């Protein structure tokens, strides 16, 4: 036990030196920085406009991301039924095959309830086929509970931000998922080692997506009818509606 404590102490000391620029940036952001107990990652928490932000870096909690990952959550207090997602196109195609296999497995009649939202949504929600930017269309997949709302979220500043990110921050094949869910914005991507410049860039992208989601949220709040999550899920609950393999 003593040896383990000493080991953790040395790891924490080494991390404090290695992560010093990130710690200093956190303080500049009026955020709190915490190392996890075993030294395998850290958490940054910031509570100010545009919304409470949490940044996690550590071991991946998704099977489609190997090694270490970066996770972010920003609380925008959006309509909880506003559910949309943008993800790397290569990752989307890979997950679609896995969902297809789950639906066609003779021993399984539905996707397990512990399957991540980003996989279930590939079956539940319609995909956005028309995007004004060819670069965004070739690099990302976009879907949501309502195709019109997903399109409104994407077009404009978010499309420009995603197009720019595809040039360096999110190269083809880098696992990347961004969701509007439960009133918040979530981001998840692979990051073998914490990189301050990339963390800052992903924060800007997440906040941009949140601001555009707030704009769409006004459309949801104007009283106009639109499909609910429950109705979309019911319509797509039949395994026959699963996407064709490789599409």
C-alpha atoms as a PDB file:
ATOM      1  CA  UNK A   1       0.000   0.000   0.000  1.00  0.00           C
ATOM      2  CA  UNK A   2       2.833   2.407   0.910  1.00  0.00           C
ATOM      3  CA  UNK A   3       4.641   1.595  -2.333  1.00  0.00           C
ATOM      4  CA  UNK A   4       1.456   2.308  -4.277  1.00  0.00           C
ATOM      5  CA  UNK A   5       1.038   5.688  -2.575  1.00  0.00           C
ATOM      6  CA  UNK A   6       4.644   6.599  -3.340  1.00  0.00           C
ATOM      7  CA  UNK A   7       4.192   5.581  -6.966  1.00  0.00           C
ATOM      8  CA  UNK A   8       1.080   7.735  -7.282  1.00  0.00           C
ATOM      9  CA  UNK A   9       2.940  10.639  -5.674  1.00  0.00           C
ATOM     10  CA  UNK A  10       5.738  10.450  -8.236  1.00  0.00           C
ATOM     11  CA  UNK A  11       3.237  10.152 -11.093  1.00  0.00           C
ATOM     12  CA  UNK A  12       1.322  13.183  -9.813  1.00  0.00           C
ATOM     13  CA  UNK A  13       4.549  15.202  -9.555  1.00  0.00           C
ATOM     14  CA  UNK A  14       5.581  14.253 -13.082  1.00  0.00           C
ATOM     15  CA  UNK A  15       2.137  15.092 -14.436  1.00  0.00           C
ATOM     16  CA  UNK A  16       2.144  18.462 -12.677  1.00  0.00           C
ATOM     17  CA  UNK A  17       5.259  19.384 -14.627  1.00  0.00           C
ATOM     18  CA  UNK A  18       4.129  17.896 -17.920  1.00  0.00           C
ATOM     19  CA  UNK A  19       0.642  19.441 -17.723  1.00  0.00           C
ATOM     20  CA  UNK A  20       1.744  22.836 -16.367  1.00  0.00           C
ATOM     21  CA  UNK A  21       0.614  24.812 -19.475  1.00  0.00           C
ATOM     22  CA  UNK A  22      -2.841  23.221 -19.239  1.00  0.00           C
ATOM     23  CA  UNK A  23      -3.057  23.973 -15.511  1.00  0.00           C
ATOM     24  CA  UNK A  24      -2.099  27.605 -16.124  1.00  0.00           C
ATOM     25  CA  UNK A  25      -4.646  27.916 -18.923  1.00  0.00           C
ATOM     26  CA  UNK A  26      -7.317  26.452 -16.614  1.00  0.00           C
ATOM     27  CA  UNK A  27      -6.578  29.119 -14.019  1.00  0.00           C
ATOM     28  CA  UNK A  28      -6.780  31.811 -16.708  1.00  0.00           C
ATOM     29  CA  UNK A  29     -10.214  30.437 -17.564  1.00  0.00           C
ATOM     30  CA  UNK A  30     -11.239  30.696 -13.889  1.00  0.00           C
ATOM     31  CA  UNK A  31     -11.556  26.914 -13.914  1.00  0.00           C
ATOM     32  CA  UNK A  32     -10.543  24.208 -11.461  1.00  0.00           C
ATOM     33  CA  UNK A  33      -7.993  21.579 -12.482  1.00  0.00           C
ATOM     34  CA  UNK A  34      -7.903  18.163 -10.805  1.00  0.00           C
ATOM     35  CA  UNK A  35      -5.763  15.126 -11.445  1.00  0.00           C
ATOM     36  CA  UNK A  36      -7.556  11.805 -11.111  1.00  0.00           C
ATOM     37  CA  UNK A  37      -6.332   9.730  -8.179  1.00  0.00           C
ATOM     38  CA  UNK A  38      -4.246   7.264 -10.162  1.00  0.00           C
ATOM     39  CA  UNK A  39      -2.675   9.995 -12.281  1.00  0.00           C
ATOM     40  CA  UNK A  40      -4.085   8.575 -15.524  1.00  0.00           C
ATOM     41  CA  UNK A  41      -5.951  11.754 -16.442  1.00  0.00           C
ATOM     42  CA  UNK A  42      -7.410  15.059 -15.315  1.00  0.00           C
ATOM     43  CA  UNK A  43     -10.645  17.020 -15.050  1.00  0.00           C
ATOM     44  CA  UNK A  44     -11.162  20.731 -15.708  1.00  0.00           C
ATOM     45  CA  UNK A  45     -14.370  22.395 -14.490  1.00  0.00           C
ATOM     46  CA  UNK A  46     -15.362  25.930 -15.413  1.00  0.00           C
ATOM     47  CA  UNK A  47     -18.591  27.603 -14.363  1.00  0.00           C
ATOM     48  CA  UNK A  48     -19.174  30.724 -16.425  1.00  0.00           C
ATOM     49  CA  UNK A  49     -20.716  31.865 -19.702  1.00  0.00           C
ATOM     50  CA  UNK A  50     -21.655  30.443 -22.162  1.00  0.00           C
ATOM     51  CA  UNK A  51     -22.307  27.445 -19.871  1.00  0.00           C
ATOM     52  CA  UNK A  52     -20.747  25.249 -17.216  1.00  0.00           C
ATOM     53  CA  UNK A  53     -17.927  23.362 -18.949  1.00  0.00           C
ATOM     54  CA  UNK A  54     -16.327  20.064 -17.940  1.00  0.00           C
ATOM     55  CA  UNK A  55     -13.255  18.694 -19.718  1.00  0.00           C
ATOM     56  CA  UNK A  56     -12.020  15.155 -19.066  1.00  0.00           C
ATOM     57  CA  UNK A  57      -8.853  13.608 -20.431  1.00  0.00           C
ATOM     58  CA  UNK A  58      -8.090   9.980 -19.621  1.00  0.00           C
ATOM     59  CA  UNK A  59      -8.684   6.349 -20.608  1.00  0.00           C
ATOM     60  CA  UNK A  60     -11.364   5.890 -23.248  1.00  0.00           C
ATOM     61  CA  UNK A  61     -14.862   4.891 -22.171  1.00  0.00           C
ATOM     62  CA  UNK A  62     -15.938   3.992 -25.717  1.00  0.00           C
ATOM     63  CA  UNK A  63     -14.902   0.877 -27.619  1.00  0.00           C
ATOM     64  CA  UNK A  64     -14.453   2.835 -30.849  1.00  0.00           C
ATOM     65  CA  UNK A  65     -11.712   5.002 -29.302  1.00  0.00           C
ATOM     66  CA  UNK A  66      -8.502   3.222 -28.420  1.00  0.00           C
ATOM     67  CA  UNK A  67      -6.232   4.468 -25.632  1.00  0.00           C
ATOM     68  CA  UNK A  68      -6.787   7.963 -24.228  1.00  0.00           C
ATOM     69  CA  UNK A  69      -9.632  10.284 -25.129  1.00  0.00           C
ATOM     70  CA  UNK A  70     -10.805  13.851 -24.634  1.00  0.00           C
ATOM     71  CA  UNK A  71     -14.378  14.330 -23.379  1.00  0.00           C
ATOM     72  CA  UNK A  72     -16.236  17.623 -22.991  1.00  0.00           C
ATOM     73  CA  UNK A  73     -19.645  18.695 -21.747  1.00  0.00           C
ATOM     74  CA  UNK A  74     -21.062  22.222 -21.851  1.00  0.00           C
ATOM     75  CA  UNK A  75     -24.423  22.959 -20.206  1.00  0.00           C
ATOM     76  CA  UNK A  76     -26.524  25.226 -22.417  1.00  0.00           C
ATOM     77  CA  UNK A  77     -29.940  24.474 -20.861  1.00  0.00           C
ATOM     78  CA  UNK A  78     -31.472  23.647 -24.237  1.00  0.00           C
ATOM     79  CA  UNK A  79     -34.783  21.905 -24.821  1.00  0.00           C
ATOM     80  CA  UNK A  80     -34.045  18.301 -23.730  1.00  0.00           C
ATOM     81  CA  UNK A  81     -35.804  16.960 -26.822  1.00  0.00           C
ATOM     82  CA  UNK A  82     -33.371  18.783 -29.083  1.00  0.00           C
ATOM     83  CA  UNK A  83     -31.196  15.819 -30.104  1.00  0.00           C
ATOM     84  CA  UNK A  84     -28.640  16.118 -32.912  1.00  0.00           C
ATOM     85  CA  UNK A  85     -25.244  14.684 -33.720  1.00  0.00           C
ATOM     86  CA  UNK A  86     -22.289  15.285 -36.004  1.00  0.00           C
ATOM     87  CA  UNK A  87     -19.494  12.722 -36.270  1.00  0.00           C
ATOM     88  CA  UNK A  88     -16.544  11.746 -38.414  1.00  0.00           C
ATOM     89  CA  UNK A  89     -17.904  10.036 -41.538  1.00  0.00           C
ATOM     90  CA  UNK A  90     -15.497   7.097 -41.362  1.00  0.00           C
ATOM     91  CA  UNK A  91     -16.531   6.488 -37.766  1.00  0.00           C
ATOM     92  CA  UNK A  92     -20.206   6.734 -38.723  1.00  0.00           C
ATOM     93  CA  UNK A  93     -19.797   4.087 -41.422  1.00  0.00           C
ATOM     94  CA  UNK A  94     -17.923   1.809 -39.012  1.00  0.00           C
ATOM     95  CA  UNK A  95     -20.596   2.152 -36.315  1.00  0.00           C
ATOM     96  CA  UNK A  96     -23.368   1.603 -38.847  1.00  0.00           C
ATOM     97  CA  UNK A  97     -21.898  -1.784 -39.704  1.00  0.00           C
ATOM     98  CA  UNK A  98     -21.753  -2.675 -35.998  1.00  0.00           C
ATOM     99  CA  UNK A  99     -25.372  -1.601 -35.473  1.00  0.00           C
ATOM    100  CA  UNK A 100     -26.426  -3.562 -38.552  1.00  0.00           C
ATOM    101  CA  UNK A 101     -24.675  -6.661 -37.185  1.00  0.00           C
ATOM    102  CA  UNK A 102     -26.420  -6.184 -33.836  1.00  0.00           C
ATOM    103  CA  UNK A 103     -29.826  -6.020 -35.511  1.00  0.00           C
ATOM    104  CA  UNK A 104     -29.260  -9.014 -37.774  1.00  0.00           C
ATOM    105  CA  UNK A 105     -27.704 -11.238 -35.100  1.00  0.00           C
ATOM    106  CA  UNK A 106     -30.141 -14.152 -34.692  1.00  0.00           C
ATOM    107  CA  UNK A 107     -29.503 -14.137 -30.942  1.00  0.00           C
ATOM    108  CA  UNK A 108     -30.410 -10.460 -30.529  1.00  0.00           C
ATOM    109  CA  UNK A 109     -33.668  -8.749 -31.431  1.00  0.00           C
ATOM    110  CA  UNK A 110     -32.687  -5.186 -30.566  1.00  0.00           C
ATOM    111  CA  UNK A 111     -29.700  -3.005 -29.828  1.00  0.00           C
ATOM    112  CA  UNK A 112     -28.732  -3.445 -26.174  1.00  0.00           C
ATOM    113  CA  UNK A 113     -29.879  -0.676 -23.870  1.00  0.00           C
ATOM    114  CA  UNK A 114     -26.271  -0.103 -22.797  1.00  0.00           C
ATOM    115  CA  UNK A 115     -25.274   0.706 -26.388  1.00  0.00           C
ATOM    116  CA  UNK A 116     -24.087   4.354 -26.534  1.00  0.00           C
ATOM    117  CA  UNK A 117     -26.504   6.977 -27.870  1.00  0.00           C
ATOM    118  CA  UNK A 118     -24.273   7.682 -30.836  1.00  0.00           C
ATOM    119  CA  UNK A 119     -24.804   4.106 -32.049  1.00  0.00           C
ATOM    120  CA  UNK A 120     -28.534   3.867 -31.297  1.00  0.00           C
ATOM    121  CA  UNK A 121     -29.151   7.181 -33.030  1.00  0.00           C
ATOM    122  CA  UNK A 122     -27.798   5.781 -36.294  1.00  0.00           C
ATOM    123  CA  UNK A 123     -30.912   3.584 -36.364  1.00  0.00           C
ATOM    124  CA  UNK A 124     -33.391   5.892 -34.648  1.00  0.00           C
ATOM    125  CA  UNK A 125     -32.851   9.247 -36.373  1.00  0.00           C
ATOM    126  CA  UNK A 126     -32.822  10.405 -40.012  1.00  0.00           C
ATOM    127  CA  UNK A 127     -29.517  11.469 -41.549  1.00  0.00           C
ATOM    128  CA  UNK A 128     -28.946  14.803 -43.207  1.00  0.00           C
ATOM    129  CA  UNK A 129     -28.265  14.174 -46.895  1.00  0.00           C
ATOM    130  CA  UNK A 130     -28.052  17.740 -48.197  1.00  0.00           C
ATOM    131  CA  UNK A 131     -25.282  20.030 -46.950  1.00  0.00           C
ATOM    132  CA  UNK A 132     -24.192  23.234 -48.644  1.00  0.00           C
ATOM    133  CA  UNK A 133     -20.490  22.555 -47.991  1.00  0.00           C
ATOM    134  CA  UNK A 134     -19.025  19.694 -50.037  1.00  0.00           C
ATOM    135  CA  UNK A 135     -16.115  19.553 -47.607  1.00  0.00           C
ATOM    136  CA  UNK A 136     -18.421  19.080 -44.610  1.00  0.00           C
ATOM    137  CA  UNK A 137     -20.544  16.554 -46.503  1.00  0.00           C
ATOM    138  CA  UNK A 138     -17.511  14.429 -47.406  1.00  0.00           C
ATOM    139  CA  UNK A 139     -15.973  14.578 -43.938  1.00  0.00           C
ATOM    140  CA  UNK A 140     -18.911  14.326 -41.504  1.00  0.00           C
ATOM    141  CA  UNK A 141     -22.215  12.608 -40.949  1.00  0.00           C
ATOM    142  CA  UNK A 142     -25.062  14.641 -39.411  1.00  0.00           C
ATOM    143  CA  UNK A 143     -28.369  13.384 -38.019  1.00  0.00           C
ATOM    144  CA  UNK A 144     -31.038  14.263 -35.508  1.00  0.00           C
ATOM    145  CA  UNK A 145     -34.530  13.689 -34.187  1.00  0.00           C
ATOM    146  CA  UNK A 146     -35.735  16.116 -36.856  1.00  0.00           C
ATOM    147  CA  UNK A 147     -33.939  16.591 -40.186  1.00  0.00           C
ATOM    148  CA  UNK A 148     -34.953  20.265 -40.519  1.00  0.00           C
ATOM    149  CA  UNK A 149     -33.626  21.133 -37.071  1.00  0.00           C
ATOM    150  CA  UNK A 150     -30.358  19.263 -37.741  1.00  0.00           C
ATOM    151  CA  UNK A 151     -29.975  21.190 -40.983  1.00  0.00           C
ATOM    152  CA  UNK A 152     -30.654  24.501 -39.237  1.00  0.00           C
ATOM    153  CA  UNK A 153     -28.028  23.626 -36.609  1.00  0.00           C
ATOM    154  CA  UNK A 154     -25.394  22.706 -39.171  1.00  0.00           C
ATOM    155  CA  UNK A 155     -25.755  25.419 -41.787  1.00  0.00           C
ATOM    156  CA  UNK A 156     -23.999  28.689 -41.113  1.00  0.00           C
ATOM    157  CA  UNK A 157     -21.246  29.210 -38.593  1.00  0.00           C
ATOM    158  CA  UNK A 158     -21.104  25.592 -37.423  1.00  0.00           C
ATOM    159  CA  UNK A 159     -20.585  24.382 -40.992  1.00  0.00           C
ATOM    160  CA  UNK A 160     -17.730  26.850 -41.373  1.00  0.00           C
ATOM    161  CA  UNK A 161     -16.199  25.746 -38.081  1.00  0.00           C
ATOM    162  CA  UNK A 162     -16.401  22.059 -38.999  1.00  0.00           C
ATOM    163  CA  UNK A 163     -14.931  22.712 -42.437  1.00  0.00           C
ATOM    164  CA  UNK A 164     -11.983  24.515 -40.885  1.00  0.00           C
ATOM    165  CA  UNK A 165     -11.504  21.781 -38.273  1.00  0.00           C
ATOM    166  CA  UNK A 166     -11.385  19.112 -40.983  1.00  0.00           C
ATOM    167  CA  UNK A 167      -8.190  20.672 -42.340  1.00  0.00           C
ATOM    168  CA  UNK A 168      -6.056  19.985 -39.286  1.00  0.00           C
ATOM    169  CA  UNK A 169      -7.898  19.440 -35.995  1.00  0.00           C
ATOM    170  CA  UNK A 170     -10.114  16.545 -37.162  1.00  0.00           C
ATOM    171  CA  UNK A 171      -8.299  14.780 -40.017  1.00  0.00           C
ATOM    172  CA  UNK A 172     -10.124  11.949 -41.820  1.00  0.00           C
ATOM    173  CA  UNK A 173     -10.300   8.855 -39.639  1.00  0.00           C
ATOM    174  CA  UNK A 174      -9.896  10.607 -36.282  1.00  0.00           C
ATOM    175  CA  UNK A 175     -12.800   9.378 -34.117  1.00  0.00           C
ATOM    176  CA  UNK A 176     -14.920  12.428 -33.332  1.00  0.00           C
ATOM    177  CA  UNK A 177     -18.487  12.759 -32.037  1.00  0.00           C
ATOM    178  CA  UNK A 178     -20.412  15.855 -30.988  1.00  0.00           C
ATOM    179  CA  UNK A 179     -23.946  15.541 -29.607  1.00  0.00           C
ATOM    180  CA  UNK A 180     -26.721  17.851 -28.514  1.00  0.00           C
ATOM    181  CA  UNK A 181     -28.398  15.830 -25.779  1.00  0.00           C
ATOM    182  CA  UNK A 182     -30.236  16.384 -22.461  1.00  0.00           C
ATOM    183  CA  UNK A 183     -29.970  20.144 -22.940  1.00  0.00           C
ATOM    184  CA  UNK A 184     -26.177  20.010 -23.166  1.00  0.00           C
ATOM    185  CA  UNK A 185     -23.458  19.764 -25.811  1.00  0.00           C
ATOM    186  CA  UNK A 186     -21.042  16.829 -25.647  1.00  0.00           C
ATOM    187  CA  UNK A 187     -17.802  16.208 -27.526  1.00  0.00           C
ATOM    188  CA  UNK A 188     -15.630  13.118 -27.631  1.00  0.00           C
ATOM    189  CA  UNK A 189     -12.461  12.417 -29.606  1.00  0.00           C
ATOM    190  CA  UNK A 190      -9.230  10.495 -29.416  1.00  0.00           C
ATOM    191  CA  UNK A 191      -6.216  12.259 -27.845  1.00  0.00           C
ATOM    192  CA  UNK A 192      -3.190  10.053 -27.020  1.00  0.00           C
ATOM    193  CA  UNK A 193      -1.539  12.861 -25.027  1.00  0.00           C
ATOM    194  CA  UNK A 194      -3.100  16.084 -23.717  1.00  0.00           C
ATOM    195  CA  UNK A 195      -2.424  18.945 -26.112  1.00  0.00           C
ATOM    196  CA  UNK A 196      -3.331  22.457 -24.965  1.00  0.00           C
ATOM    197  CA  UNK A 197      -3.734  23.923 -28.446  1.00  0.00           C
ATOM    198  CA  UNK A 198      -6.090  21.110 -29.446  1.00  0.00           C
ATOM    199  CA  UNK A 199      -8.049  21.339 -26.205  1.00  0.00           C
ATOM    200  CA  UNK A 200      -8.549  25.062 -26.772  1.00  0.00           C
ATOM    201  CA  UNK A 201      -9.618  24.464 -30.374  1.00  0.00           C
ATOM    202  CA  UNK A 202     -12.131  21.799 -29.358  1.00  0.00           C
ATOM    203  CA  UNK A 203     -13.548  24.098 -26.659  1.00  0.00           C
ATOM    204  CA  UNK A 204     -14.094  26.798 -29.286  1.00  0.00           C
ATOM    205  CA  UNK A 205     -15.772  24.295 -31.612  1.00  0.00           C
ATOM    206  CA  UNK A 206     -18.026  22.982 -28.830  1.00  0.00           C
ATOM    207  CA  UNK A 207     -19.034  26.485 -27.768  1.00  0.00           C
ATOM    208  CA  UNK A 208     -19.744  27.426 -31.384  1.00  0.00           C
ATOM    209  CA  UNK A 209     -21.947  24.338 -31.747  1.00  0.00           C
ATOM    210  CA  UNK A 210     -23.715  25.301 -28.520  1.00  0.00           C
ATOM    211  CA  UNK A 211     -24.375  28.839 -29.691  1.00  0.00           C
ATOM    212  CA  UNK A 212     -25.820  27.536 -32.954  1.00  0.00           C
ATOM    213  CA  UNK A 213     -27.917  25.032 -30.990  1.00  0.00           C
ATOM    214  CA  UNK A 214     -29.268  27.921 -28.907  1.00  0.00           C
ATOM    215  CA  UNK A 215     -30.365  29.588 -32.138  1.00  0.00           C
ATOM    216  CA  UNK A 216     -32.174  26.408 -33.194  1.00  0.00           C
ATOM    217  CA  UNK A 217     -33.609  26.130 -29.692  1.00  0.00           C
ATOM    218  CA  UNK A 218     -35.579  29.306 -30.351  1.00  0.00           C
ATOM    219  CA  UNK A 219     -37.281  27.539 -33.257  1.00  0.00           C
ATOM    220  CA  UNK A 220     -38.230  24.678 -30.942  1.00  0.00           C
ATOM    221  CA  UNK A 221     -39.639  27.093 -28.384  1.00  0.00           C
ATOM    222  CA  UNK A 222     -41.881  29.013 -30.769  1.00  0.00           C
ATOM    223  CA  UNK A 223     -44.683  26.465 -30.390  1.00  0.00           C
ATOM    224  CA  UNK A 224     -44.487  24.976 -33.888  1.00  0.00           C
ATOM    225  CA  UNK A 225     -45.116  21.209 -34.085  1.00  0.00           C
ATOM    226  CA  UNK A 226     -42.167  18.907 -34.625  1.00  0.00           C
ATOM    227  CA  UNK A 227     -41.558  15.171 -34.094  1.00  0.00           C
ATOM    228  CA  UNK A 228     -40.765  14.067 -30.569  1.00  0.00           C
ATOM    229  CA  UNK A 229     -37.967  11.678 -29.669  1.00  0.00           C
ATOM    230  CA  UNK A 230     -40.503   9.057 -28.635  1.00  0.00           C
ATOM    231  CA  UNK A 231     -42.371   9.137 -31.944  1.00  0.00           C
ATOM    232  CA  UNK A 232     -39.183   8.873 -33.998  1.00  0.00           C
ATOM    233  CA  UNK A 233     -37.896   6.020 -31.849  1.00  0.00           C
ATOM    234  CA  UNK A 234     -41.194   4.124 -32.162  1.00  0.00           C
ATOM    235  CA  UNK A 235     -41.239   4.507 -35.937  1.00  0.00           C
ATOM    236  CA  UNK A 236     -37.698   3.154 -36.179  1.00  0.00           C
ATOM    237  CA  UNK A 237     -37.857   0.426 -33.539  1.00  0.00           C
ATOM    238  CA  UNK A 238     -38.489  -2.318 -36.140  1.00  0.00           C
ATOM    239  CA  UNK A 239     -35.240  -4.153 -36.981  1.00  0.00           C
ATOM    240  CA  UNK A 240     -36.266  -4.016 -40.658  1.00  0.00           C
ATOM    241  CA  UNK A 241     -35.588  -0.290 -40.579  1.00  0.00           C
ATOM    242  CA  UNK A 242     -31.914  -0.814 -39.707  1.00  0.00           C
ATOM    243  CA  UNK A 243     -29.547   0.818 -42.219  1.00  0.00           C
ATOM    244  CA  UNK A 244     -28.182  -1.396 -44.982  1.00  0.00           C
ATOM    245  CA  UNK A 245     -24.703  -2.687 -44.328  1.00  0.00           C
ATOM    246  CA  UNK A 246     -21.945  -0.371 -45.393  1.00  0.00           C
ATOM    247  CA  UNK A 247     -24.220   2.609 -46.064  1.00  0.00           C
END
